[in-house]
Amino acid sequence: MAIVGDPVGSSHALHILGGNITGISIDPGIEFYGKRLQILKEAAPSAKTVTDLGLRSEWNGAVRQTTRDAALGLRISVISLAPPAANPALLRNAFAEVTRQRIDGLIVTSAGGFLHIGS
């Protein structure tokens, strides 16, 4: 059993003929960010505007660019809401903004920053 961020890139992917390896990858790869938009568009074909909610510290250029490229191909406008910290007040403000702007869809970061928020 192995838990790794990128099993192939970190050389943890093992090839065993006739055997099985069990593990968890916490990083599905950069393509995942575009795939989330594609799945959302398939589930809600009329969606035109989507909010991508994630912490500022968890975003990098490649993630943003992959999301923008996918959105362009799907004809979706992506509005990024990136509070500086994951605390209840900032998240309430972010969700209020989603409501105010009448956003068609919401994608929340898969990074761990939102997993430990108290009320």
PDB file of N, CA and C in Angstrom:
ATOM      1  N   MET A   1       0.855  -1.173   0.000  1.00  0.00           N
ATOM      2  CA  MET A   1       0.000   0.000   0.000  1.00  0.00           C
ATOM      3  C   MET A   1       0.893   1.226   0.000  1.00  0.00           C
ATOM      4  N   ALA A   2       0.580   2.169  -0.866  1.00  0.00           N
ATOM      5  CA  ALA A   2       1.362   3.402  -0.931  1.00  0.00           C
ATOM      6  C   ALA A   2       0.425   4.579  -1.112  1.00  0.00           C
ATOM      7  N   ILE A   3       0.741   5.692  -0.461  1.00  0.00           N
ATOM      8  CA  ILE A   3       0.016   6.945  -0.663  1.00  0.00           C
ATOM      9  C   ILE A   3       1.045   7.950  -1.150  1.00  0.00           C
ATOM     10  N   VAL A   4       0.884   8.392  -2.384  1.00  0.00           N
ATOM     11  CA  VAL A   4       1.839   9.323  -2.983  1.00  0.00           C
ATOM     12  C   VAL A   4       1.099  10.383  -3.768  1.00  0.00           C
ATOM     13  N   GLY A   5       1.778  11.505  -4.013  1.00  0.00           N
ATOM     14  CA  GLY A   5       1.182  12.587  -4.787  1.00  0.00           C
ATOM     15  C   GLY A   5       1.087  12.248  -6.258  1.00  0.00           C
ATOM     16  N   ASP A   6       2.183  11.893  -6.861  1.00  0.00           N
ATOM     17  CA  ASP A   6       2.243  11.572  -8.286  1.00  0.00           C
ATOM     18  C   ASP A   6       3.031  10.275  -8.433  1.00  0.00           C
ATOM     19  N   PRO A   7       2.337   9.132  -8.501  1.00  0.00           N
ATOM     20  CA  PRO A   7       3.036   7.849  -8.495  1.00  0.00           C
ATOM     21  C   PRO A   7       3.979   7.646  -9.667  1.00  0.00           C
ATOM     22  N   VAL A   8       3.644   8.151 -10.831  1.00  0.00           N
ATOM     23  CA  VAL A   8       4.511   7.978 -11.994  1.00  0.00           C
ATOM     24  C   VAL A   8       5.679   8.947 -11.928  1.00  0.00           C
ATOM     25  N   GLY A   9       5.387  10.218 -11.693  1.00  0.00           N
ATOM     26  CA  GLY A   9       6.432  11.227 -11.656  1.00  0.00           C
ATOM     27  C   GLY A   9       7.424  11.042 -10.522  1.00  0.00           C
ATOM     28  N   SER A  10       6.978  10.460  -9.423  1.00  0.00           N
ATOM     29  CA  SER A  10       7.874  10.257  -8.285  1.00  0.00           C
ATOM     30  C   SER A  10       8.512   8.872  -8.294  1.00  0.00           C
ATOM     31  N   SER A  11       8.351   8.135  -9.383  1.00  0.00           N
ATOM     32  CA  SER A  11       8.940   6.798  -9.555  1.00  0.00           C
ATOM     33  C   SER A  11       8.386   5.768  -8.572  1.00  0.00           C
ATOM     34  N   HIS A  12       7.192   6.008  -8.031  1.00  0.00           N
ATOM     35  CA  HIS A  12       6.589   5.028  -7.137  1.00  0.00           C
ATOM     36  C   HIS A  12       5.684   4.044  -7.866  1.00  0.00           C
ATOM     37  N   ALA A  13       5.461   4.266  -9.139  1.00  0.00           N
ATOM     38  CA  ALA A  13       4.627   3.331  -9.893  1.00  0.00           C
ATOM     39  C   ALA A  13       5.454   2.083 -10.158  1.00  0.00           C
ATOM     40  N   LEU A  14       4.941   0.991  -9.742  1.00  0.00           N
ATOM     41  CA  LEU A  14       5.656  -0.274  -9.902  1.00  0.00           C
ATOM     42  C   LEU A  14       4.932  -1.147 -10.918  1.00  0.00           C
ATOM     43  N   HIS A  15       5.681  -1.863 -11.674  1.00  0.00           N
ATOM     44  CA  HIS A  15       5.103  -2.771 -12.655  1.00  0.00           C
ATOM     45  C   HIS A  15       5.417  -4.193 -12.217  1.00  0.00           C
ATOM     46  N   ILE A  16       4.413  -4.914 -11.803  1.00  0.00           N
ATOM     47  CA  ILE A  16       4.595  -6.290 -11.380  1.00  0.00           C
ATOM     48  C   ILE A  16       3.747  -7.164 -12.279  1.00  0.00           C
ATOM     49  N   LEU A  17       4.379  -8.050 -12.984  1.00  0.00           N
ATOM     50  CA  LEU A  17       3.656  -8.949 -13.879  1.00  0.00           C
ATOM     51  C   LEU A  17       2.865  -9.952 -13.061  1.00  0.00           C
ATOM     52  N   GLY A  18       1.569 -10.037 -13.334  1.00  0.00           N
ATOM     53  CA  GLY A  18       0.721 -11.009 -12.667  1.00  0.00           C
ATOM     54  C   GLY A  18       0.357 -10.655 -11.233  1.00  0.00           C
ATOM     55  N   GLY A  19       0.676  -9.465 -10.759  1.00  0.00           N
ATOM     56  CA  GLY A  19       0.370  -9.090  -9.378  1.00  0.00           C
ATOM     57  C   GLY A  19      -0.458  -7.831  -9.311  1.00  0.00           C
ATOM     58  N   ASN A  20      -0.892  -7.504  -8.122  1.00  0.00           N
ATOM     59  CA  ASN A  20      -1.684  -6.306  -7.892  1.00  0.00           C
ATOM     60  C   ASN A  20      -1.003  -5.421  -6.866  1.00  0.00           C
ATOM     61  N   ILE A  21      -1.115  -4.138  -7.038  1.00  0.00           N
ATOM     62  CA  ILE A  21      -0.620  -3.171  -6.063  1.00  0.00           C
ATOM     63  C   ILE A  21      -1.798  -2.289  -5.681  1.00  0.00           C
ATOM     64  N   THR A  22      -1.963  -2.063  -4.402  1.00  0.00           N
ATOM     65  CA  THR A  22      -3.025  -1.204  -3.924  1.00  0.00           C
ATOM     66  C   THR A  22      -2.401   0.105  -3.445  1.00  0.00           C
ATOM     67  N   GLY A  23      -3.025   1.215  -3.798  1.00  0.00           N
ATOM     68  CA  GLY A  23      -2.493   2.495  -3.356  1.00  0.00           C
ATOM     69  C   GLY A  23      -3.476   3.612  -3.613  1.00  0.00           C
ATOM     70  N   ILE A  24      -3.101   4.772  -3.174  1.00  0.00           N
ATOM     71  CA  ILE A  24      -3.930   5.962  -3.340  1.00  0.00           C
ATOM     72  C   ILE A  24      -3.055   7.060  -3.921  1.00  0.00           C
ATOM     73  N   SER A  25      -3.546   7.714  -4.949  1.00  0.00           N
ATOM     74  CA  SER A  25      -2.855   8.885  -5.478  1.00  0.00           C
ATOM     75  C   SER A  25      -3.640  10.114  -5.071  1.00  0.00           C
ATOM     76  N   ILE A  26      -2.954  11.046  -4.446  1.00  0.00           N
ATOM     77  CA  ILE A  26      -3.632  12.281  -4.038  1.00  0.00           C
ATOM     78  C   ILE A  26      -3.493  13.371  -5.094  1.00  0.00           C
ATOM     79  N   ASP A  27      -2.807  13.051  -6.188  1.00  0.00           N
ATOM     80  CA  ASP A  27      -2.636  13.989  -7.284  1.00  0.00           C
ATOM     81  C   ASP A  27      -2.966  13.284  -8.592  1.00  0.00           C
ATOM     82  N   PRO A  28      -4.185  13.468  -9.096  1.00  0.00           N
ATOM     83  CA  PRO A  28      -4.575  12.773 -10.319  1.00  0.00           C
ATOM     84  C   PRO A  28      -3.933  13.348 -11.579  1.00  0.00           C
ATOM     85  N   GLY A  29      -3.189  14.421 -11.466  1.00  0.00           N
ATOM     86  CA  GLY A  29      -2.533  15.021 -12.625  1.00  0.00           C
ATOM     87  C   GLY A  29      -3.221  16.296 -13.073  1.00  0.00           C
ATOM     88  N   ILE A  30      -2.500  17.097 -13.805  1.00  0.00           N
ATOM     89  CA  ILE A  30      -2.977  18.413 -14.224  1.00  0.00           C
ATOM     90  C   ILE A  30      -4.209  18.318 -15.124  1.00  0.00           C
ATOM     91  N   GLU A  31      -4.338  17.218 -15.874  1.00  0.00           N
ATOM     92  CA  GLU A  31      -5.484  17.059 -16.771  1.00  0.00           C
ATOM     93  C   GLU A  31      -6.806  16.999 -16.014  1.00  0.00           C
ATOM     94  N   PHE A  32      -6.734  16.628 -14.739  1.00  0.00           N
ATOM     95  CA  PHE A  32      -7.921  16.503 -13.905  1.00  0.00           C
ATOM     96  C   PHE A  32      -8.712  17.806 -13.826  1.00  0.00           C
ATOM     97  N   TYR A  33      -8.017  18.928 -13.825  1.00  0.00           N
ATOM     98  CA  TYR A  33      -8.695  20.216 -13.675  1.00  0.00           C
ATOM     99  C   TYR A  33      -9.581  20.530 -14.872  1.00  0.00           C
ATOM    100  N   GLY A  34      -9.135  20.220 -16.059  1.00  0.00           N
ATOM    101  CA  GLY A  34      -9.970  20.387 -17.240  1.00  0.00           C
ATOM    102  C   GLY A  34     -11.087  19.366 -17.293  1.00  0.00           C
ATOM    103  N   LYS A  35     -10.813  18.148 -16.842  1.00  0.00           N
ATOM    104  CA  LYS A  35     -11.819  17.081 -16.859  1.00  0.00           C
ATOM    105  C   LYS A  35     -12.985  17.417 -15.944  1.00  0.00           C
ATOM    106  N   ARG A  36     -12.711  18.080 -14.821  1.00  0.00           N
ATOM    107  CA  ARG A  36     -13.813  18.471 -13.927  1.00  0.00           C
ATOM    108  C   ARG A  36     -14.794  19.392 -14.638  1.00  0.00           C
ATOM    109  N   LEU A  37     -14.268  20.336 -15.436  1.00  0.00           N
ATOM    110  CA  LEU A  37     -15.153  21.220 -16.196  1.00  0.00           C
ATOM    111  C   LEU A  37     -15.940  20.447 -17.246  1.00  0.00           C
ATOM    112  N   GLN A  38     -15.293  19.504 -17.894  1.00  0.00           N
ATOM    113  CA  GLN A  38     -15.973  18.693 -18.912  1.00  0.00           C
ATOM    114  C   GLN A  38     -17.123  17.902 -18.287  1.00  0.00           C
ATOM    115  N   ILE A  39     -16.901  17.299 -17.143  1.00  0.00           N
ATOM    116  CA  ILE A  39     -17.950  16.538 -16.459  1.00  0.00           C
ATOM    117  C   ILE A  39     -19.086  17.462 -16.035  1.00  0.00           C
ATOM    118  N   LEU A  40     -18.753  18.643 -15.519  1.00  0.00           N
ATOM    119  CA  LEU A  40     -19.788  19.598 -15.135  1.00  0.00           C
ATOM    120  C   LEU A  40     -20.631  19.992 -16.347  1.00  0.00           C
ATOM    121  N   LYS A  41     -19.991  20.243 -17.473  1.00  0.00           N
ATOM    122  CA  LYS A  41     -20.705  20.640 -18.693  1.00  0.00           C
ATOM    123  C   LYS A  41     -21.604  19.515 -19.189  1.00  0.00           C
ATOM    124  N   GLU A  42     -21.153  18.278 -19.063  1.00  0.00           N
ATOM    125  CA  GLU A  42     -21.998  17.146 -19.453  1.00  0.00           C
ATOM    126  C   GLU A  42     -23.207  17.014 -18.536  1.00  0.00           C
ATOM    127  N   ALA A  43     -23.009  17.280 -17.243  1.00  0.00           N
ATOM    128  CA  ALA A  43     -24.109  17.186 -16.282  1.00  0.00           C
ATOM    129  C   ALA A  43     -25.075  18.362 -16.396  1.00  0.00           C
ATOM    130  N   ALA A  44     -24.553  19.526 -16.767  1.00  0.00           N
ATOM    131  CA  ALA A  44     -25.374  20.737 -16.886  1.00  0.00           C
ATOM    132  C   ALA A  44     -25.023  21.429 -18.202  1.00  0.00           C
ATOM    133  N   PRO A  45     -25.550  20.923 -19.327  1.00  0.00           N
ATOM    134  CA  PRO A  45     -25.171  21.444 -20.642  1.00  0.00           C
ATOM    135  C   PRO A  45     -25.427  22.934 -20.843  1.00  0.00           C
ATOM    136  N   SER A  46     -26.371  23.502 -20.111  1.00  0.00           N
ATOM    137  CA  SER A  46     -26.677  24.927 -20.291  1.00  0.00           C
ATOM    138  C   SER A  46     -25.759  25.827 -19.466  1.00  0.00           C
ATOM    139  N   ALA A  47     -24.859  25.250 -18.676  1.00  0.00           N
ATOM    140  CA  ALA A  47     -23.959  26.053 -17.836  1.00  0.00           C
ATOM    141  C   ALA A  47     -23.073  26.940 -18.703  1.00  0.00           C
ATOM    142  N   LYS A  48     -23.064  28.212 -18.393  1.00  0.00           N
ATOM    143  CA  LYS A  48     -22.241  29.185 -19.118  1.00  0.00           C
ATOM    144  C   LYS A  48     -21.164  29.809 -18.237  1.00  0.00           C
ATOM    145  N   THR A  49     -21.449  29.913 -16.926  1.00  0.00           N
ATOM    146  CA  THR A  49     -20.521  30.536 -15.993  1.00  0.00           C
ATOM    147  C   THR A  49     -20.319  29.610 -14.797  1.00  0.00           C
ATOM    148  N   VAL A  50     -19.054  29.346 -14.498  1.00  0.00           N
ATOM    149  CA  VAL A  50     -18.696  28.440 -13.412  1.00  0.00           C
ATOM    150  C   VAL A  50     -17.711  29.155 -12.502  1.00  0.00           C
ATOM    151  N   THR A  51     -17.855  28.927 -11.215  1.00  0.00           N
ATOM    152  CA  THR A  51     -16.895  29.445 -10.256  1.00  0.00           C
ATOM    153  C   THR A  51     -15.978  28.313  -9.841  1.00  0.00           C
ATOM    154  N   ASP A  52     -14.699  28.608  -9.816  1.00  0.00           N
ATOM    155  CA  ASP A  52     -13.687  27.680  -9.352  1.00  0.00           C
ATOM    156  C   ASP A  52     -13.210  28.206  -8.004  1.00  0.00           C
ATOM    157  N   LEU A  53     -13.563  27.509  -6.929  1.00  0.00           N
ATOM    158  CA  LEU A  53     -13.282  27.967  -5.571  1.00  0.00           C
ATOM    159  C   LEU A  53     -12.102  27.202  -4.999  1.00  0.00           C
ATOM    160  N   GLY A  54     -11.022  27.925  -4.712  1.00  0.00           N
ATOM    161  CA  GLY A  54      -9.832  27.319  -4.119  1.00  0.00           C
ATOM    162  C   GLY A  54      -9.000  28.377  -3.432  1.00  0.00           C
ATOM    163  N   LEU A  55      -8.167  27.953  -2.524  1.00  0.00           N
ATOM    164  CA  LEU A  55      -7.313  28.892  -1.803  1.00  0.00           C
ATOM    165  C   LEU A  55      -6.243  29.463  -2.716  1.00  0.00           C
ATOM    166  N   ARG A  56      -5.910  30.718  -2.509  1.00  0.00           N
ATOM    167  CA  ARG A  56      -4.876  31.369  -3.325  1.00  0.00           C
ATOM    168  C   ARG A  56      -3.564  30.603  -3.290  1.00  0.00           C
ATOM    169  N   SER A  57      -3.193  30.115  -2.125  1.00  0.00           N
ATOM    170  CA  SER A  57      -1.907  29.437  -1.975  1.00  0.00           C
ATOM    171  C   SER A  57      -1.862  28.089  -2.692  1.00  0.00           C
ATOM    172  N   GLU A  58      -3.017  27.537  -3.056  1.00  0.00           N
ATOM    173  CA  GLU A  58      -3.062  26.213  -3.672  1.00  0.00           C
ATOM    174  C   GLU A  58      -3.096  26.261  -5.191  1.00  0.00           C
ATOM    175  N   TRP A  59      -3.100  27.450  -5.740  1.00  0.00           N
ATOM    176  CA  TRP A  59      -3.155  27.570  -7.191  1.00  0.00           C
ATOM    177  C   TRP A  59      -1.785  27.913  -7.733  1.00  0.00           C
ATOM    178  N   ASN A  60      -1.487  27.394  -8.885  1.00  0.00           N
ATOM    179  CA  ASN A  60      -0.265  27.783  -9.579  1.00  0.00           C
ATOM    180  C   ASN A  60      -0.602  28.038 -11.032  1.00  0.00           C
ATOM    181  N   GLY A  61       0.330  28.498 -11.789  1.00  0.00           N
ATOM    182  CA  GLY A  61       0.076  28.863 -13.173  1.00  0.00           C
ATOM    183  C   GLY A  61      -0.460  27.730 -14.029  1.00  0.00           C
ATOM    184  N   ALA A  62       0.068  26.513 -13.842  1.00  0.00           N
ATOM    185  CA  ALA A  62      -0.356  25.387 -14.666  1.00  0.00           C
ATOM    186  C   ALA A  62      -1.818  25.019 -14.414  1.00  0.00           C
ATOM    187  N   VAL A  63      -2.238  25.047 -13.158  1.00  0.00           N
ATOM    188  CA  VAL A  63      -3.629  24.726 -12.824  1.00  0.00           C
ATOM    189  C   VAL A  63      -4.568  25.754 -13.441  1.00  0.00           C
ATOM    190  N   ARG A  64      -4.253  27.011 -13.257  1.00  0.00           N
ATOM    191  CA  ARG A  64      -5.100  28.066 -13.829  1.00  0.00           C
ATOM    192  C   ARG A  64      -5.158  27.971 -15.346  1.00  0.00           C
ATOM    193  N   GLN A  65      -4.014  27.748 -15.974  1.00  0.00           N
ATOM    194  CA  GLN A  65      -3.976  27.675 -17.430  1.00  0.00           C
ATOM    195  C   GLN A  65      -4.750  26.472 -17.954  1.00  0.00           C
ATOM    196  N   THR A  66      -4.614  25.332 -17.318  1.00  0.00           N
ATOM    197  CA  THR A  66      -5.353  24.136 -17.727  1.00  0.00           C
ATOM    198  C   THR A  66      -6.853  24.370 -17.602  1.00  0.00           C
ATOM    199  N   THR A  67      -7.263  25.006 -16.531  1.00  0.00           N
ATOM    200  CA  THR A  67      -8.683  25.313 -16.331  1.00  0.00           C
ATOM    201  C   THR A  67      -9.173  26.289 -17.393  1.00  0.00           C
ATOM    202  N   ARG A  68      -8.392  27.328 -17.675  1.00  0.00           N
ATOM    203  CA  ARG A  68      -8.787  28.310 -18.701  1.00  0.00           C
ATOM    204  C   ARG A  68      -8.878  27.660 -20.079  1.00  0.00           C
ATOM    205  N   ASP A  69      -7.910  26.808 -20.414  1.00  0.00           N
ATOM    206  CA  ASP A  69      -7.922  26.134 -21.717  1.00  0.00           C
ATOM    207  C   ASP A  69      -9.155  25.254 -21.873  1.00  0.00           C
ATOM    208  N   ALA A  70      -9.477  24.498 -20.839  1.00  0.00           N
ATOM    209  CA  ALA A  70     -10.661  23.631 -20.891  1.00  0.00           C
ATOM    210  C   ALA A  70     -11.933  24.460 -21.007  1.00  0.00           C
ATOM    211  N   ALA A  71     -12.004  25.546 -20.251  1.00  0.00           N
ATOM    212  CA  ALA A  71     -13.189  26.410 -20.291  1.00  0.00           C
ATOM    213  C   ALA A  71     -13.389  27.003 -21.676  1.00  0.00           C
ATOM    214  N   LEU A  72     -12.309  27.419 -22.304  1.00  0.00           N
ATOM    215  CA  LEU A  72     -12.391  27.990 -23.643  1.00  0.00           C
ATOM    216  C   LEU A  72     -12.964  26.979 -24.630  1.00  0.00           C
ATOM    217  N   GLY A  73     -12.477  25.756 -24.564  1.00  0.00           N
ATOM    218  CA  GLY A  73     -12.965  24.708 -25.457  1.00  0.00           C
ATOM    219  C   GLY A  73     -14.418  24.335 -25.208  1.00  0.00           C
ATOM    220  N   LEU A  74     -14.874  24.487 -23.975  1.00  0.00           N
ATOM    221  CA  LEU A  74     -16.252  24.139 -23.615  1.00  0.00           C
ATOM    222  C   LEU A  74     -17.191  25.332 -23.670  1.00  0.00           C
ATOM    223  N   ARG A  75     -16.649  26.499 -24.010  1.00  0.00           N
ATOM    224  CA  ARG A  75     -17.419  27.748 -24.052  1.00  0.00           C
ATOM    225  C   ARG A  75     -18.048  28.067 -22.699  1.00  0.00           C
ATOM    226  N   ILE A  76     -17.225  27.948 -21.674  1.00  0.00           N
ATOM    227  CA  ILE A  76     -17.635  28.265 -20.309  1.00  0.00           C
ATOM    228  C   ILE A  76     -16.759  29.406 -19.812  1.00  0.00           C
ATOM    229  N   SER A  77     -17.374  30.348 -19.121  1.00  0.00           N
ATOM    230  CA  SER A  77     -16.628  31.412 -18.463  1.00  0.00           C
ATOM    231  C   SER A  77     -16.344  30.958 -17.032  1.00  0.00           C
ATOM    232  N   VAL A  78     -15.082  30.993 -16.631  1.00  0.00           N
ATOM    233  CA  VAL A  78     -14.702  30.578 -15.279  1.00  0.00           C
ATOM    234  C   VAL A  78     -14.305  31.794 -14.460  1.00  0.00           C
ATOM    235  N   ILE A  79     -14.968  31.954 -13.340  1.00  0.00           N
ATOM    236  CA  ILE A  79     -14.661  33.015 -12.396  1.00  0.00           C
ATOM    237  C   ILE A  79     -13.974  32.360 -11.212  1.00  0.00           C
ATOM    238  N   SER A  80     -12.756  32.761 -10.929  1.00  0.00           N
ATOM    239  CA  SER A  80     -12.018  32.174  -9.827  1.00  0.00           C
ATOM    240  C   SER A  80     -12.281  32.957  -8.552  1.00  0.00           C
ATOM    241  N   LEU A  81     -12.692  32.249  -7.518  1.00  0.00           N
ATOM    242  CA  LEU A  81     -12.813  32.832  -6.189  1.00  0.00           C
ATOM    243  C   LEU A  81     -11.725  32.190  -5.345  1.00  0.00           C
ATOM    244  N   ALA A  82     -10.773  32.958  -4.927  1.00  0.00           N
ATOM    245  CA  ALA A  82      -9.632  32.425  -4.196  1.00  0.00           C
ATOM    246  C   ALA A  82      -9.407  33.206  -2.917  1.00  0.00           C
ATOM    247  N   PRO A  83     -10.126  32.846  -1.838  1.00  0.00           N
ATOM    248  CA  PRO A  83      -9.882  33.533  -0.572  1.00  0.00           C
ATOM    249  C   PRO A  83      -8.472  33.227  -0.074  1.00  0.00           C
ATOM    250  N   PRO A  84      -7.887  34.139   0.700  1.00  0.00           N
ATOM    251  CA  PRO A  84      -6.520  33.929   1.181  1.00  0.00           C
ATOM    252  C   PRO A  84      -6.409  32.836   2.241  1.00  0.00           C
ATOM    253  N   ALA A  85      -7.520  32.494   2.879  1.00  0.00           N
ATOM    254  CA  ALA A  85      -7.496  31.468   3.920  1.00  0.00           C
ATOM    255  C   ALA A  85      -8.839  30.744   3.933  1.00  0.00           C
ATOM    256  N   ALA A  86      -8.815  29.526   4.447  1.00  0.00           N
ATOM    257  CA  ALA A  86     -10.053  28.736   4.552  1.00  0.00           C
ATOM    258  C   ALA A  86     -10.620  28.925   5.952  1.00  0.00           C
ATOM    259  N   ASN A  87     -11.386  29.981   6.108  1.00  0.00           N
ATOM    260  CA  ASN A  87     -12.074  30.146   7.377  1.00  0.00           C
ATOM    261  C   ASN A  87     -13.546  30.388   7.071  1.00  0.00           C
ATOM    262  N   PRO A  88     -14.419  30.103   8.027  1.00  0.00           N
ATOM    263  CA  PRO A  88     -15.859  30.178   7.754  1.00  0.00           C
ATOM    264  C   PRO A  88     -16.334  31.518   7.205  1.00  0.00           C
ATOM    265  N   ALA A  89     -15.826  32.633   7.725  1.00  0.00           N
ATOM    266  CA  ALA A  89     -16.283  33.946   7.260  1.00  0.00           C
ATOM    267  C   ALA A  89     -15.920  34.179   5.795  1.00  0.00           C
ATOM    268  N   LEU A  90     -14.686  33.865   5.418  1.00  0.00           N
ATOM    269  CA  LEU A  90     -14.266  34.057   4.027  1.00  0.00           C
ATOM    270  C   LEU A  90     -15.024  33.128   3.079  1.00  0.00           C
ATOM    271  N   LEU A  91     -15.299  31.917   3.522  1.00  0.00           N
ATOM    272  CA  LEU A  91     -16.060  30.996   2.672  1.00  0.00           C
ATOM    273  C   LEU A  91     -17.514  31.429   2.534  1.00  0.00           C
ATOM    274  N   ARG A  92     -18.107  31.941   3.608  1.00  0.00           N
ATOM    275  CA  ARG A  92     -19.472  32.474   3.501  1.00  0.00           C
ATOM    276  C   ARG A  92     -19.513  33.614   2.491  1.00  0.00           C
ATOM    277  N   ASN A  93     -18.507  34.485   2.526  1.00  0.00           N
ATOM    278  CA  ASN A  93     -18.434  35.589   1.559  1.00  0.00           C
ATOM    279  C   ASN A  93     -18.301  35.065   0.138  1.00  0.00           C
ATOM    280  N   ALA A  94     -17.489  34.033  -0.057  1.00  0.00           N
ATOM    281  CA  ALA A  94     -17.308  33.454  -1.394  1.00  0.00           C
ATOM    282  C   ALA A  94     -18.619  32.861  -1.900  1.00  0.00           C
ATOM    283  N   PHE A  95     -19.322  32.112  -1.060  1.00  0.00           N
ATOM    284  CA  PHE A  95     -20.597  31.530  -1.489  1.00  0.00           C
ATOM    285  C   PHE A  95     -21.653  32.600  -1.718  1.00  0.00           C
ATOM    286  N   ALA A  96     -21.625  33.673  -0.945  1.00  0.00           N
ATOM    287  CA  ALA A  96     -22.549  34.783  -1.175  1.00  0.00           C
ATOM    288  C   ALA A  96     -22.284  35.408  -2.542  1.00  0.00           C
ATOM    289  N   GLU A  97     -21.017  35.507  -2.926  1.00  0.00           N
ATOM    290  CA  GLU A  97     -20.658  36.048  -4.242  1.00  0.00           C
ATOM    291  C   GLU A  97     -21.155  35.135  -5.364  1.00  0.00           C
ATOM    292  N   VAL A  98     -21.059  33.833  -5.173  1.00  0.00           N
ATOM    293  CA  VAL A  98     -21.581  32.868  -6.157  1.00  0.00           C
ATOM    294  C   VAL A  98     -23.079  33.097  -6.340  1.00  0.00           C
ATOM    295  N   THR A  99     -23.789  33.275  -5.242  1.00  0.00           N
ATOM    296  CA  THR A  99     -25.233  33.514  -5.302  1.00  0.00           C
ATOM    297  C   THR A  99     -25.534  34.852  -5.969  1.00  0.00           C
ATOM    298  N   ARG A 100     -24.793  35.895  -5.578  1.00  0.00           N
ATOM    299  CA  ARG A 100     -25.027  37.230  -6.127  1.00  0.00           C
ATOM    300  C   ARG A 100     -24.839  37.252  -7.642  1.00  0.00           C
ATOM    301  N   GLN A 101     -23.816  36.547  -8.122  1.00  0.00           N
ATOM    302  CA  GLN A 101     -23.520  36.551  -9.553  1.00  0.00           C
ATOM    303  C   GLN A 101     -24.343  35.524 -10.345  1.00  0.00           C
ATOM    304  N   ARG A 102     -25.179  34.759  -9.668  1.00  0.00           N
ATOM    305  CA  ARG A 102     -26.028  33.762 -10.316  1.00  0.00           C
ATOM    306  C   ARG A 102     -25.203  32.792 -11.178  1.00  0.00           C
ATOM    307  N   ILE A 103     -24.193  32.206 -10.553  1.00  0.00           N
ATOM    308  CA  ILE A 103     -23.285  31.277 -11.207  1.00  0.00           C
ATOM    309  C   ILE A 103     -24.022  29.973 -11.517  1.00  0.00           C
ATOM    310  N   ASP A 104     -23.729  29.383 -12.675  1.00  0.00           N
ATOM    311  CA  ASP A 104     -24.385  28.140 -13.097  1.00  0.00           C
ATOM    312  C   ASP A 104     -23.786  26.895 -12.456  1.00  0.00           C
ATOM    313  N   GLY A 105     -22.520  26.938 -12.082  1.00  0.00           N
ATOM    314  CA  GLY A 105     -21.874  25.761 -11.512  1.00  0.00           C
ATOM    315  C   GLY A 105     -20.741  26.159 -10.596  1.00  0.00           C
ATOM    316  N   LEU A 106     -20.364  25.257  -9.718  1.00  0.00           N
ATOM    317  CA  LEU A 106     -19.313  25.510  -8.753  1.00  0.00           C
ATOM    318  C   LEU A 106     -18.398  24.297  -8.683  1.00  0.00           C
ATOM    319  N   ILE A 107     -17.112  24.548  -8.803  1.00  0.00           N
ATOM    320  CA  ILE A 107     -16.107  23.509  -8.616  1.00  0.00           C
ATOM    321  C   ILE A 107     -15.268  23.938  -7.421  1.00  0.00           C
ATOM    322  N   VAL A 108     -15.166  23.065  -6.430  1.00  0.00           N
ATOM    323  CA  VAL A 108     -14.399  23.356  -5.235  1.00  0.00           C
ATOM    324  C   VAL A 108     -13.090  22.593  -5.316  1.00  0.00           C
ATOM    325  N   THR A 109     -12.022  23.237  -4.895  1.00  0.00           N
ATOM    326  CA  THR A 109     -10.703  22.641  -4.945  1.00  0.00           C
ATOM    327  C   THR A 109     -10.666  21.236  -4.359  1.00  0.00           C
ATOM    328  N   SER A 110      -9.818  20.414  -4.935  1.00  0.00           N
ATOM    329  CA  SER A 110      -9.616  19.079  -4.378  1.00  0.00           C
ATOM    330  C   SER A 110      -8.436  19.067  -3.418  1.00  0.00           C
ATOM    331  N   ALA A 111      -7.806  20.214  -3.248  1.00  0.00           N
ATOM    332  CA  ALA A 111      -6.673  20.307  -2.326  1.00  0.00           C
ATOM    333  C   ALA A 111      -7.180  20.264  -0.883  1.00  0.00           C
ATOM    334  N   GLY A 112      -6.304  20.009   0.030  1.00  0.00           N
ATOM    335  CA  GLY A 112      -6.701  19.781   1.420  1.00  0.00           C
ATOM    336  C   GLY A 112      -7.039  21.001   2.241  1.00  0.00           C
ATOM    337  N   GLY A 113      -6.893  22.194   1.716  1.00  0.00           N
ATOM    338  CA  GLY A 113      -7.097  23.402   2.507  1.00  0.00           C
ATOM    339  C   GLY A 113      -8.474  23.569   3.113  1.00  0.00           C
ATOM    340  N   PHE A 114      -9.493  23.008   2.491  1.00  0.00           N
ATOM    341  CA  PHE A 114     -10.850  23.146   2.995  1.00  0.00           C
ATOM    342  C   PHE A 114     -11.277  21.988   3.905  1.00  0.00           C
ATOM    343  N   LEU A 115     -10.432  21.003   4.075  1.00  0.00           N
ATOM    344  CA  LEU A 115     -10.827  19.798   4.789  1.00  0.00           C
ATOM    345  C   LEU A 115     -10.881  19.951   6.305  1.00  0.00           C
ATOM    346  N   HIS A 116     -10.259  20.963   6.856  1.00  0.00           N
ATOM    347  CA  HIS A 116     -10.187  21.082   8.303  1.00  0.00           C
ATOM    348  C   HIS A 116     -10.833  22.361   8.840  1.00  0.00           C
ATOM    349  N   ILE A 117     -11.835  22.848   8.150  1.00  0.00           N
ATOM    350  CA  ILE A 117     -12.469  24.097   8.543  1.00  0.00           C
ATOM    351  C   ILE A 117     -13.446  23.841   9.696  1.00  0.00           C
ATOM    352  N   GLY A 118     -13.322  24.614  10.735  1.00  0.00           N
ATOM    353  CA  GLY A 118     -14.275  24.542  11.847  1.00  0.00           C
ATOM    354  C   GLY A 118     -15.418  25.498  11.586  1.00  0.00           C
ATOM    355  N   SER A 119     -16.455  25.417  12.386  1.00  0.00           N
ATOM    356  CA  SER A 119     -17.606  26.311  12.197  1.00  0.00           C
ATOM    357  C   SER A 119     -17.474  27.564  13.011  1.00  0.00           C
TER     358      SER A 119
END
